[in-house]
Amino acid sequence: MSLRLSRFAVLIVTLTAAGMIAGCGDSAATDGAHGGAGENGHTEAASTAHDHSGWWCGEHGVPEGACARCDASLASGFKEKGDWCADHSRPKSQCFVCDPSLQDQFADRYEAKFGKRPPKPTDP
């Protein structure tokens, strides 16, 4: 049991660290090379203001460890499972554009954890 818990803890730490390293957007979005907006539409202010240290991605309205828009390394896993919205460049299971009810499902998870509704995503 403790070995399973240890492996889970290592996985969580690894995913969290990977998310913090990857960050939101691309380097063009943060260095202003393209007028402050990267190919994914993030502005410089949004990319630099987003803090990846918490459990929740306030920018996209999903848990930080599952946010494929912040951590591009997660995208391949979603794509392999067939969970990808090519029209909006995000997992189908996180595409609030195609299915707005998904936003409520993620908000319910936040509320279950913190006892209150999450802030509205800044880039849903």
C-alpha atoms as a PDB file:
ATOM      1  CA  MET A   1       0.000   0.000   0.000  1.00  0.00           C
ATOM      2  CA  SER A   2       2.718   2.512   0.888  1.00  0.00           C
ATOM      3  CA  LEU A   3       4.659   1.632  -2.282  1.00  0.00           C
ATOM      4  CA  ARG A   4       1.558   2.431  -4.335  1.00  0.00           C
ATOM      5  CA  LEU A   5       1.133   5.714  -2.473  1.00  0.00           C
ATOM      6  CA  SER A   6       4.812   6.559  -3.011  1.00  0.00           C
ATOM      7  CA  ARG A   7       4.527   5.946  -6.742  1.00  0.00           C
ATOM      8  CA  PHE A   8       1.423   8.109  -6.865  1.00  0.00           C
ATOM      9  CA  ALA A   9       3.215  10.903  -4.983  1.00  0.00           C
ATOM     10  CA  VAL A  10       6.172  10.724  -7.392  1.00  0.00           C
ATOM     11  CA  LEU A  11       3.784  10.883 -10.359  1.00  0.00           C
ATOM     12  CA  ILE A  12       2.010  13.937  -8.946  1.00  0.00           C
ATOM     13  CA  VAL A  13       5.288  15.732  -8.218  1.00  0.00           C
ATOM     14  CA  THR A  14       6.592  14.895 -11.692  1.00  0.00           C
ATOM     15  CA  LEU A  15       3.441  16.123 -13.441  1.00  0.00           C
ATOM     16  CA  THR A  16       3.381  19.286 -11.362  1.00  0.00           C
ATOM     17  CA  ALA A  17       7.036  20.019 -12.107  1.00  0.00           C
ATOM     18  CA  ALA A  18       6.525  19.348 -15.810  1.00  0.00           C
ATOM     19  CA  GLY A  19       3.572  21.735 -15.840  1.00  0.00           C
ATOM     20  CA  MET A  20       5.562  24.472 -14.166  1.00  0.00           C
ATOM     21  CA  ILE A  21       8.462  24.047 -16.580  1.00  0.00           C
ATOM     22  CA  ALA A  22       6.312  23.922 -19.726  1.00  0.00           C
ATOM     23  CA  GLY A  23       4.204  26.954 -18.885  1.00  0.00           C
ATOM     24  CA  CYS A  24       1.379  28.409 -20.923  1.00  0.00           C
ATOM     25  CA  GLY A  25       1.821  29.507 -24.477  1.00  0.00           C
ATOM     26  CA  ASP A  26       5.000  29.497 -26.483  1.00  0.00           C
ATOM     27  CA  SER A  27       8.166  31.544 -26.204  1.00  0.00           C
ATOM     28  CA  ALA A  28       6.899  33.985 -28.810  1.00  0.00           C
ATOM     29  CA  ALA A  29       3.978  34.795 -26.534  1.00  0.00           C
ATOM     30  CA  THR A  30       6.200  35.664 -23.618  1.00  0.00           C
ATOM     31  CA  ASP A  31       8.984  37.494 -25.407  1.00  0.00           C
ATOM     32  CA  GLY A  32       6.669  39.674 -27.478  1.00  0.00           C
ATOM     33  CA  ALA A  33       8.244  38.597 -30.779  1.00  0.00           C
ATOM     34  CA  HIS A  34       4.828  38.425 -32.451  1.00  0.00           C
ATOM     35  CA  GLY A  35       3.099  41.390 -30.886  1.00  0.00           C
ATOM     36  CA  GLY A  36       2.625  39.571 -27.614  1.00  0.00           C
ATOM     37  CA  ALA A  37       0.376  36.800 -28.928  1.00  0.00           C
ATOM     38  CA  GLY A  38       1.514  33.270 -29.657  1.00  0.00           C
ATOM     39  CA  GLU A  39      -0.031  30.912 -32.176  1.00  0.00           C
ATOM     40  CA  ASN A  40      -2.428  29.610 -29.510  1.00  0.00           C
ATOM     41  CA  GLY A  41      -3.808  33.129 -29.007  1.00  0.00           C
ATOM     42  CA  HIS A  42      -2.411  33.795 -25.536  1.00  0.00           C
ATOM     43  CA  THR A  43      -1.358  37.353 -24.956  1.00  0.00           C
ATOM     44  CA  GLU A  44       1.884  38.254 -23.261  1.00  0.00           C
ATOM     45  CA  ALA A  45       0.093  39.532 -20.156  1.00  0.00           C
ATOM     46  CA  ALA A  46      -1.975  36.349 -19.790  1.00  0.00           C
ATOM     47  CA  SER A  47       1.048  34.081 -20.213  1.00  0.00           C
ATOM     48  CA  THR A  48       3.268  35.878 -17.757  1.00  0.00           C
ATOM     49  CA  ALA A  49       0.522  36.408 -15.154  1.00  0.00           C
ATOM     50  CA  HIS A  50      -0.479  32.730 -14.927  1.00  0.00           C
ATOM     51  CA  ASP A  51       0.920  30.908 -11.908  1.00  0.00           C
ATOM     52  CA  HIS A  52       1.329  27.151 -12.418  1.00  0.00           C
ATOM     53  CA  SER A  53       2.118  26.336  -8.781  1.00  0.00           C
ATOM     54  CA  GLY A  54      -1.460  25.669  -7.668  1.00  0.00           C
ATOM     55  CA  TRP A  55      -3.872  22.813  -8.234  1.00  0.00           C
ATOM     56  CA  TRP A  56      -6.166  24.838 -10.523  1.00  0.00           C
ATOM     57  CA  CYS A  57      -5.451  26.436 -13.889  1.00  0.00           C
ATOM     58  CA  GLY A  58      -7.435  29.653 -13.580  1.00  0.00           C
ATOM     59  CA  GLU A  59      -6.673  30.544 -17.154  1.00  0.00           C
ATOM     60  CA  HIS A  60      -8.330  27.465 -18.662  1.00  0.00           C
ATOM     61  CA  GLY A  61     -10.672  26.238 -15.900  1.00  0.00           C
ATOM     62  CA  VAL A  62      -9.243  22.744 -15.356  1.00  0.00           C
ATOM     63  CA  PRO A  63      -6.852  21.171 -12.838  1.00  0.00           C
ATOM     64  CA  GLU A  64      -3.297  22.337 -13.587  1.00  0.00           C
ATOM     65  CA  GLY A  65      -1.942  18.767 -13.811  1.00  0.00           C
ATOM     66  CA  ALA A  66      -4.407  17.964 -16.606  1.00  0.00           C
ATOM     67  CA  CYS A  67      -4.180  21.237 -18.534  1.00  0.00           C
ATOM     68  CA  ALA A  68      -2.871  20.252 -21.948  1.00  0.00           C
ATOM     69  CA  ARG A  69      -3.005  23.880 -23.051  1.00  0.00           C
ATOM     70  CA  CYS A  70      -0.475  24.863 -20.384  1.00  0.00           C
ATOM     71  CA  ASP A  71       1.579  21.688 -20.551  1.00  0.00           C
ATOM     72  CA  ALA A  72       1.967  20.724 -24.206  1.00  0.00           C
ATOM     73  CA  SER A  73       3.589  17.416 -23.220  1.00  0.00           C
ATOM     74  CA  LEU A  74       0.141  16.197 -22.072  1.00  0.00           C
ATOM     75  CA  ALA A  75      -1.400  16.691 -25.524  1.00  0.00           C
ATOM     76  CA  SER A  76       0.037  13.503 -27.010  1.00  0.00           C
ATOM     77  CA  GLY A  77      -1.575  11.391 -24.282  1.00  0.00           C
ATOM     78  CA  PHE A  78      -4.978  12.931 -24.938  1.00  0.00           C
ATOM     79  CA  LYS A  79      -4.500  12.476 -28.695  1.00  0.00           C
ATOM     80  CA  GLU A  80      -3.522   8.808 -28.258  1.00  0.00           C
ATOM     81  CA  LYS A  81      -6.769   8.217 -26.347  1.00  0.00           C
ATOM     82  CA  GLY A  82      -8.766   9.911 -29.116  1.00  0.00           C
ATOM     83  CA  ASP A  83      -9.593  12.761 -26.742  1.00  0.00           C
ATOM     84  CA  TRP A  84      -8.617  15.729 -28.886  1.00  0.00           C
ATOM     85  CA  CYS A  85     -10.540  18.626 -30.446  1.00  0.00           C
ATOM     86  CA  ALA A  86      -8.524  19.576 -33.517  1.00  0.00           C
ATOM     87  CA  ASP A  87     -10.764  22.597 -34.159  1.00  0.00           C
ATOM     88  CA  HIS A  88      -9.844  24.206 -30.809  1.00  0.00           C
ATOM     89  CA  SER A  89      -6.430  22.593 -30.071  1.00  0.00           C
ATOM     90  CA  ARG A  90      -7.346  21.056 -26.717  1.00  0.00           C
ATOM     91  CA  PRO A  91      -8.672  17.770 -25.334  1.00  0.00           C
ATOM     92  CA  LYS A  92     -12.333  17.155 -26.252  1.00  0.00           C
ATOM     93  CA  SER A  93     -12.920  16.461 -22.574  1.00  0.00           C
ATOM     94  CA  GLN A  94     -11.780  20.056 -21.872  1.00  0.00           C
ATOM     95  CA  CYS A  95     -13.316  21.800 -24.888  1.00  0.00           C
ATOM     96  CA  PHE A  96     -15.772  24.257 -23.389  1.00  0.00           C
ATOM     97  CA  VAL A  97     -16.336  25.700 -26.877  1.00  0.00           C
ATOM     98  CA  CYS A  98     -17.821  22.473 -28.258  1.00  0.00           C
ATOM     99  CA  ASP A  99     -19.490  21.419 -24.996  1.00  0.00           C
ATOM    100  CA  PRO A 100     -20.063  24.274 -22.513  1.00  0.00           C
ATOM    101  CA  SER A 101     -21.410  21.791 -19.916  1.00  0.00           C
ATOM    102  CA  LEU A 102     -17.855  20.499 -19.455  1.00  0.00           C
ATOM    103  CA  GLN A 103     -16.953  23.774 -17.743  1.00  0.00           C
ATOM    104  CA  ASP A 104     -19.556  23.030 -15.048  1.00  0.00           C
ATOM    105  CA  GLN A 105     -18.153  19.525 -14.578  1.00  0.00           C
ATOM    106  CA  PHE A 106     -14.668  20.896 -13.908  1.00  0.00           C
ATOM    107  CA  ALA A 107     -16.091  23.638 -11.699  1.00  0.00           C
ATOM    108  CA  ASP A 108     -17.869  20.927  -9.683  1.00  0.00           C
ATOM    109  CA  ARG A 109     -14.514  19.201  -9.094  1.00  0.00           C
ATOM    110  CA  TYR A 110     -13.039  22.486  -7.872  1.00  0.00           C
ATOM    111  CA  GLU A 111     -16.003  23.071  -5.592  1.00  0.00           C
ATOM    112  CA  ALA A 112     -15.737  19.546  -4.158  1.00  0.00           C
ATOM    113  CA  LYS A 113     -12.092  20.212  -3.299  1.00  0.00           C
ATOM    114  CA  PHE A 114     -12.300  23.816  -2.059  1.00  0.00           C
ATOM    115  CA  GLY A 115     -15.939  24.241  -1.010  1.00  0.00           C
ATOM    116  CA  LYS A 116     -16.580  27.155  -3.373  1.00  0.00           C
ATOM    117  CA  ARG A 117     -16.996  27.769  -7.088  1.00  0.00           C
ATOM    118  CA  PRO A 118     -13.818  28.509  -9.046  1.00  0.00           C
ATOM    119  CA  PRO A 119     -13.125  31.861 -10.653  1.00  0.00           C
ATOM    120  CA  LYS A 120     -14.254  32.067 -14.269  1.00  0.00           C
ATOM    121  CA  PRO A 121     -11.476  30.953 -16.649  1.00  0.00           C
ATOM    122  CA  THR A 122      -9.738  33.849 -18.357  1.00  0.00           C
ATOM    123  CA  ASP A 123      -9.265  31.845 -21.610  1.00  0.00           C
ATOM    124  CA  PRO A 124     -11.907  29.097 -21.703  1.00  0.00           C
END
